[in-house]
Amino acid sequence: MPTISRKKTDVKSRAIRLIRDLPTDSSWDDLMYRIYVRQKIETGLADVRAGRTRSHESIRREFKVA
C-alpha cells in the first residue's frame, strides 16, 4: 500500500498531467469538471477493488425498474 507522501505525489503528478492535457482555451470550469470526473472514476475503481459492488439486477429491484 502506498504511503501518504506517495499518494500526495501521485495526485500532484496526475493533476499536473491533467492540466497539461487541457486545451489552451480551457476555463476553470473545464478544469474542475475534469478533476471531478477523475475523482469519481478513481473512487469507483477503489470500490471495485474493495469488493463494494452490486449486481445490475439488485439495482433494478431497488429502483423497481422493469
PDB file of N, CA and C in Angstrom:
ATOM      1  N   MET A   1       0.853  -1.184   0.000  1.00  0.00           N
ATOM      2  CA  MET A   1       0.000   0.000   0.000  1.00  0.00           C
ATOM      3  C   MET A   1       0.896   1.245   0.000  1.00  0.00           C
ATOM      4  N   PRO A   2       0.582   2.236  -0.872  1.00  0.00           N
ATOM      5  CA  PRO A   2       1.417   3.432  -0.935  1.00  0.00           C
ATOM      6  C   PRO A   2       1.346   4.241   0.354  1.00  0.00           C
ATOM      7  N   THR A   3       2.425   4.904   0.665  1.00  0.00           N
ATOM      8  CA  THR A   3       2.431   5.774   1.840  1.00  0.00           C
ATOM      9  C   THR A   3       1.672   7.053   1.519  1.00  0.00           C
ATOM     10  N   ILE A   4       1.366   7.815   2.555  1.00  0.00           N
ATOM     11  CA  ILE A   4       0.627   9.064   2.373  1.00  0.00           C
ATOM     12  C   ILE A   4       1.406  10.014   1.473  1.00  0.00           C
ATOM     13  N   SER A   5       2.716  10.149   1.706  1.00  0.00           N
ATOM     14  CA  SER A   5       3.505  11.059   0.870  1.00  0.00           C
ATOM     15  C   SER A   5       3.525  10.576  -0.575  1.00  0.00           C
ATOM     16  N   ARG A   6       3.538   9.274  -0.795  1.00  0.00           N
ATOM     17  CA  ARG A   6       3.495   8.717  -2.159  1.00  0.00           C
ATOM     18  C   ARG A   6       2.158   9.070  -2.810  1.00  0.00           C
ATOM     19  N   LYS A   7       1.058   8.943  -2.072  1.00  0.00           N
ATOM     20  CA  LYS A   7      -0.257   9.278  -2.612  1.00  0.00           C
ATOM     21  C   LYS A   7      -0.319  10.742  -3.010  1.00  0.00           C
ATOM     22  N   LYS A   8       0.228  11.621  -2.165  1.00  0.00           N
ATOM     23  CA  LYS A   8       0.218  13.050  -2.476  1.00  0.00           C
ATOM     24  C   LYS A   8       1.022  13.326  -3.736  1.00  0.00           C
ATOM     25  N   THR A   9       2.162  12.688  -3.878  1.00  0.00           N
ATOM     26  CA  THR A   9       2.981  12.861  -5.068  1.00  0.00           C
ATOM     27  C   THR A   9       2.229  12.379  -6.298  1.00  0.00           C
ATOM     28  N   ASP A  10       1.563  11.245  -6.169  1.00  0.00           N
ATOM     29  CA  ASP A  10       0.784  10.724  -7.286  1.00  0.00           C
ATOM     30  C   ASP A  10      -0.311  11.699  -7.689  1.00  0.00           C
ATOM     31  N   VAL A  11      -1.016  12.242  -6.715  1.00  0.00           N
ATOM     32  CA  VAL A  11      -2.090  13.195  -7.006  1.00  0.00           C
ATOM     33  C   VAL A  11      -1.520  14.435  -7.686  1.00  0.00           C
ATOM     34  N   LYS A  12      -0.421  14.928  -7.168  1.00  0.00           N
ATOM     35  CA  LYS A  12       0.186  16.128  -7.734  1.00  0.00           C
ATOM     36  C   LYS A  12       0.627  15.880  -9.173  1.00  0.00           C
ATOM     37  N   SER A  13       1.292  14.779  -9.423  1.00  0.00           N
ATOM     38  CA  SER A  13       1.764  14.498 -10.780  1.00  0.00           C
ATOM     39  C   SER A  13       0.597  14.243 -11.731  1.00  0.00           C
ATOM     40  N   ARG A  14      -0.444  13.589 -11.242  1.00  0.00           N
ATOM     41  CA  ARG A  14      -1.625  13.369 -12.099  1.00  0.00           C
ATOM     42  C   ARG A  14      -2.344  14.682 -12.382  1.00  0.00           C
ATOM     43  N   ALA A  15      -2.406  15.573 -11.389  1.00  0.00           N
ATOM     44  CA  ALA A  15      -3.046  16.869 -11.598  1.00  0.00           C
ATOM     45  C   ALA A  15      -2.266  17.691 -12.619  1.00  0.00           C
ATOM     46  N   ILE A  16      -0.959  17.668 -12.519  1.00  0.00           N
ATOM     47  CA  ILE A  16      -0.126  18.398 -13.481  1.00  0.00           C
ATOM     48  C   ILE A  16      -0.348  17.855 -14.885  1.00  0.00           C
ATOM     49  N   ARG A  17      -0.386  16.529 -15.006  1.00  0.00           N
ATOM     50  CA  ARG A  17      -0.620  15.905 -16.315  1.00  0.00           C
ATOM     51  C   ARG A  17      -2.004  16.282 -16.850  1.00  0.00           C
ATOM     52  N   LEU A  18      -3.007  16.286 -15.963  1.00  0.00           N
ATOM     53  CA  LEU A  18      -4.365  16.642 -16.357  1.00  0.00           C
ATOM     54  C   LEU A  18      -4.405  18.086 -16.879  1.00  0.00           C
ATOM     55  N   ILE A  19      -3.711  18.984 -16.191  1.00  0.00           N
ATOM     56  CA  ILE A  19      -3.666  20.389 -16.618  1.00  0.00           C
ATOM     57  C   ILE A  19      -2.952  20.529 -17.953  1.00  0.00           C
ATOM     58  N   ARG A  20      -1.847  19.828 -18.108  1.00  0.00           N
ATOM     59  CA  ARG A  20      -1.106  19.895 -19.374  1.00  0.00           C
ATOM     60  C   ARG A  20      -1.930  19.396 -20.555  1.00  0.00           C
ATOM     61  N   ASP A  21      -2.817  18.428 -20.298  1.00  0.00           N
ATOM     62  CA  ASP A  21      -3.628  17.853 -21.366  1.00  0.00           C
ATOM     63  C   ASP A  21      -4.832  18.713 -21.753  1.00  0.00           C
ATOM     64  N   LEU A  22      -5.126  19.741 -20.954  1.00  0.00           N
ATOM     65  CA  LEU A  22      -6.256  20.620 -21.279  1.00  0.00           C
ATOM     66  C   LEU A  22      -5.940  21.474 -22.506  1.00  0.00           C
ATOM     67  N   PRO A  23      -6.944  21.742 -23.317  1.00  0.00           N
ATOM     68  CA  PRO A  23      -6.733  22.689 -24.414  1.00  0.00           C
ATOM     69  C   PRO A  23      -6.373  24.071 -23.854  1.00  0.00           C
ATOM     70  N   THR A  24      -5.658  24.866 -24.616  1.00  0.00           N
ATOM     71  CA  THR A  24      -5.193  26.167 -24.120  1.00  0.00           C
ATOM     72  C   THR A  24      -6.343  27.131 -23.821  1.00  0.00           C
ATOM     73  N   ASP A  25      -7.493  26.946 -24.447  1.00  0.00           N
ATOM     74  CA  ASP A  25      -8.621  27.856 -24.216  1.00  0.00           C
ATOM     75  C   ASP A  25      -9.576  27.341 -23.132  1.00  0.00           C
ATOM     76  N   SER A  26      -9.117  26.433 -22.283  1.00  0.00           N
ATOM     77  CA  SER A  26      -9.963  25.860 -21.235  1.00  0.00           C
ATOM     78  C   SER A  26     -10.273  26.874 -20.145  1.00  0.00           C
ATOM     79  N   SER A  27     -11.429  26.679 -19.538  1.00  0.00           N
ATOM     80  CA  SER A  27     -11.850  27.546 -18.432  1.00  0.00           C
ATOM     81  C   SER A  27     -11.593  26.830 -17.101  1.00  0.00           C
ATOM     82  N   TRP A  28     -11.768  27.568 -16.022  1.00  0.00           N
ATOM     83  CA  TRP A  28     -11.669  26.959 -14.695  1.00  0.00           C
ATOM     84  C   TRP A  28     -12.722  25.865 -14.552  1.00  0.00           C
ATOM     85  N   ASP A  29     -13.904  26.106 -15.113  1.00  0.00           N
ATOM     86  CA  ASP A  29     -14.960  25.093 -15.039  1.00  0.00           C
ATOM     87  C   ASP A  29     -14.541  23.814 -15.752  1.00  0.00           C
ATOM     88  N   ASP A  30     -13.853  23.925 -16.886  1.00  0.00           N
ATOM     89  CA  ASP A  30     -13.358  22.750 -17.602  1.00  0.00           C
ATOM     90  C   ASP A  30     -12.399  21.956 -16.714  1.00  0.00           C
ATOM     91  N   LEU A  31     -11.493  22.668 -16.064  1.00  0.00           N
ATOM     92  CA  LEU A  31     -10.529  22.017 -15.186  1.00  0.00           C
ATOM     93  C   LEU A  31     -11.230  21.342 -14.016  1.00  0.00           C
ATOM     94  N   MET A  32     -12.154  22.046 -13.374  1.00  0.00           N
ATOM     95  CA  MET A  32     -12.863  21.490 -12.227  1.00  0.00           C
ATOM     96  C   MET A  32     -13.677  20.262 -12.632  1.00  0.00           C
ATOM     97  N   TYR A  33     -14.277  20.285 -13.811  1.00  0.00           N
ATOM     98  CA  TYR A  33     -15.045  19.143 -14.292  1.00  0.00           C
ATOM     99  C   TYR A  33     -14.135  17.926 -14.462  1.00  0.00           C
ATOM    100  N   ARG A  34     -12.983  18.132 -15.059  1.00  0.00           N
ATOM    101  CA  ARG A  34     -12.055  17.009 -15.271  1.00  0.00           C
ATOM    102  C   ARG A  34     -11.543  16.448 -13.956  1.00  0.00           C
ATOM    103  N   ILE A  35     -11.287  17.324 -12.993  1.00  0.00           N
ATOM    104  CA  ILE A  35     -10.861  16.859 -11.669  1.00  0.00           C
ATOM    105  C   ILE A  35     -11.977  16.043 -11.027  1.00  0.00           C
ATOM    106  N   TYR A  36     -13.208  16.542 -11.117  1.00  0.00           N
ATOM    107  CA  TYR A  36     -14.365  15.854 -10.546  1.00  0.00           C
ATOM    108  C   TYR A  36     -14.544  14.474 -11.175  1.00  0.00           C
ATOM    109  N   VAL A  37     -14.492  14.405 -12.497  1.00  0.00           N
ATOM    110  CA  VAL A  37     -14.672  13.126 -13.187  1.00  0.00           C
ATOM    111  C   VAL A  37     -13.563  12.157 -12.803  1.00  0.00           C
ATOM    112  N   ARG A  38     -12.318  12.622 -12.768  1.00  0.00           N
ATOM    113  CA  ARG A  38     -11.184  11.771 -12.394  1.00  0.00           C
ATOM    114  C   ARG A  38     -11.380  11.222 -10.996  1.00  0.00           C
ATOM    115  N   GLN A  39     -11.809  12.079 -10.065  1.00  0.00           N
ATOM    116  CA  GLN A  39     -12.021  11.652  -8.688  1.00  0.00           C
ATOM    117  C   GLN A  39     -13.110  10.582  -8.612  1.00  0.00           C
ATOM    118  N   LYS A  40     -14.197  10.771  -9.342  1.00  0.00           N
ATOM    119  CA  LYS A  40     -15.294   9.800  -9.326  1.00  0.00           C
ATOM    120  C   LYS A  40     -14.854   8.463  -9.914  1.00  0.00           C
ATOM    121  N   ILE A  41     -14.081   8.500 -10.991  1.00  0.00           N
ATOM    122  CA  ILE A  41     -13.581   7.265 -11.601  1.00  0.00           C
ATOM    123  C   ILE A  41     -12.673   6.528 -10.624  1.00  0.00           C
ATOM    124  N   GLU A  42     -11.756   7.250  -9.996  1.00  0.00           N
ATOM    125  CA  GLU A  42     -10.837   6.609  -9.060  1.00  0.00           C
ATOM    126  C   GLU A  42     -11.565   6.043  -7.841  1.00  0.00           C
ATOM    127  N   THR A  43     -12.589   6.743  -7.373  1.00  0.00           N
ATOM    128  CA  THR A  43     -13.397   6.239  -6.256  1.00  0.00           C
ATOM    129  C   THR A  43     -14.115   4.960  -6.660  1.00  0.00           C
ATOM    130  N   GLY A  44     -14.674   4.942  -7.859  1.00  0.00           N
ATOM    131  CA  GLY A  44     -15.361   3.748  -8.348  1.00  0.00           C
ATOM    132  C   GLY A  44     -14.419   2.568  -8.497  1.00  0.00           C
ATOM    133  N   LEU A  45     -13.235   2.807  -9.028  1.00  0.00           N
ATOM    134  CA  LEU A  45     -12.257   1.725  -9.172  1.00  0.00           C
ATOM    135  C   LEU A  45     -11.819   1.190  -7.820  1.00  0.00           C
ATOM    136  N   ALA A  46     -11.667   2.082  -6.846  1.00  0.00           N
ATOM    137  CA  ALA A  46     -11.309   1.646  -5.496  1.00  0.00           C
ATOM    138  C   ALA A  46     -12.427   0.796  -4.896  1.00  0.00           C
ATOM    139  N   ASP A  47     -13.671   1.163  -5.138  1.00  0.00           N
ATOM    140  CA  ASP A  47     -14.809   0.367  -4.667  1.00  0.00           C
ATOM    141  C   ASP A  47     -14.793  -1.023  -5.284  1.00  0.00           C
ATOM    142  N   VAL A  48     -14.519  -1.103  -6.571  1.00  0.00           N
ATOM    143  CA  VAL A  48     -14.457  -2.401  -7.246  1.00  0.00           C
ATOM    144  C   VAL A  48     -13.349  -3.259  -6.631  1.00  0.00           C
ATOM    145  N   ARG A  49     -12.168  -2.667  -6.442  1.00  0.00           N
ATOM    146  CA  ARG A  49     -11.049  -3.412  -5.857  1.00  0.00           C
ATOM    147  C   ARG A  49     -11.379  -3.903  -4.447  1.00  0.00           C
ATOM    148  N   ALA A  50     -12.172  -3.123  -3.714  1.00  0.00           N
ATOM    149  CA  ALA A  50     -12.522  -3.488  -2.330  1.00  0.00           C
ATOM    150  C   ALA A  50     -13.747  -4.393  -2.265  1.00  0.00           C
ATOM    151  N   GLY A  51     -14.320  -4.723  -3.425  1.00  0.00           N
ATOM    152  CA  GLY A  51     -15.482  -5.612  -3.444  1.00  0.00           C
ATOM    153  C   GLY A  51     -16.799  -4.932  -3.132  1.00  0.00           C
ATOM    154  N   ARG A  52     -16.818  -3.622  -3.161  1.00  0.00           N
ATOM    155  CA  ARG A  52     -18.050  -2.888  -2.881  1.00  0.00           C
ATOM    156  C   ARG A  52     -18.824  -2.673  -4.183  1.00  0.00           C
ATOM    157  N   THR A  53     -19.398  -3.758  -4.678  1.00  0.00           N
ATOM    158  CA  THR A  53     -20.165  -3.689  -5.918  1.00  0.00           C
ATOM    159  C   THR A  53     -21.528  -4.319  -5.703  1.00  0.00           C
ATOM    160  N   ARG A  54     -22.427  -4.020  -6.603  1.00  0.00           N
ATOM    161  CA  ARG A  54     -23.764  -4.607  -6.582  1.00  0.00           C
ATOM    162  C   ARG A  54     -24.114  -5.025  -7.993  1.00  0.00           C
ATOM    163  N   SER A  55     -24.944  -6.027  -8.086  1.00  0.00           N
ATOM    164  CA  SER A  55     -25.337  -6.510  -9.408  1.00  0.00           C
ATOM    165  C   SER A  55     -26.334  -5.541 -10.047  1.00  0.00           C
ATOM    166  N   HIS A  56     -26.352  -5.595 -11.360  1.00  0.00           N
ATOM    167  CA  HIS A  56     -27.292  -4.778 -12.122  1.00  0.00           C
ATOM    168  C   HIS A  56     -28.727  -5.110 -11.699  1.00  0.00           C
ATOM    169  N   GLU A  57     -28.986  -6.395 -11.509  1.00  0.00           N
ATOM    170  CA  GLU A  57     -30.330  -6.843 -11.129  1.00  0.00           C
ATOM    171  C   GLU A  57     -30.741  -6.286  -9.765  1.00  0.00           C
ATOM    172  N   SER A  58     -29.828  -6.235  -8.800  1.00  0.00           N
ATOM    173  CA  SER A  58     -30.195  -5.717  -7.473  1.00  0.00           C
ATOM    174  C   SER A  58     -30.540  -4.224  -7.536  1.00  0.00           C
ATOM    175  N   ILE A  59     -29.857  -3.498  -8.400  1.00  0.00           N
ATOM    176  CA  ILE A  59     -30.174  -2.074  -8.570  1.00  0.00           C
ATOM    177  C   ILE A  59     -31.541  -1.918  -9.230  1.00  0.00           C
ATOM    178  N   ARG A  60     -31.815  -2.737 -10.223  1.00  0.00           N
ATOM    179  CA  ARG A  60     -33.131  -2.687 -10.889  1.00  0.00           C
ATOM    180  C   ARG A  60     -34.238  -2.979  -9.880  1.00  0.00           C
ATOM    181  N   ARG A  61     -34.031  -3.995  -9.017  1.00  0.00           N
ATOM    182  CA  ARG A  61     -35.046  -4.295  -8.000  1.00  0.00           C
ATOM    183  C   ARG A  61     -35.224  -3.140  -7.037  1.00  0.00           C
ATOM    184  N   GLU A  62     -34.125  -2.541  -6.607  1.00  0.00           N
ATOM    185  CA  GLU A  62     -34.193  -1.437  -5.656  1.00  0.00           C
ATOM    186  C   GLU A  62     -35.004  -0.265  -6.197  1.00  0.00           C
ATOM    187  N   PHE A  63     -34.799   0.029  -7.482  1.00  0.00           N
ATOM    188  CA  PHE A  63     -35.494   1.162  -8.093  1.00  0.00           C
ATOM    189  C   PHE A  63     -36.742   0.738  -8.861  1.00  0.00           C
ATOM    190  N   LYS A  64     -37.085  -0.533  -8.738  1.00  0.00           N
ATOM    191  CA  LYS A  64     -38.288  -1.088  -9.371  1.00  0.00           C
ATOM    192  C   LYS A  64     -38.348  -0.777 -10.869  1.00  0.00           C
ATOM    193  N   VAL A  65     -37.244  -1.044 -11.547  1.00  0.00           N
ATOM    194  CA  VAL A  65     -37.178  -0.840 -12.990  1.00  0.00           C
ATOM    195  C   VAL A  65     -37.457  -2.177 -13.646  1.00  0.00           C
ATOM    196  N   ALA A  66     -38.335  -2.151 -14.612  1.00  0.00           N
ATOM    197  CA  ALA A  66     -38.721  -3.398 -15.304  1.00  0.00           C
ATOM    198  C   ALA A  66     -37.601  -3.960 -16.130  1.00  0.00           C
TER     199      ALA A  66
END
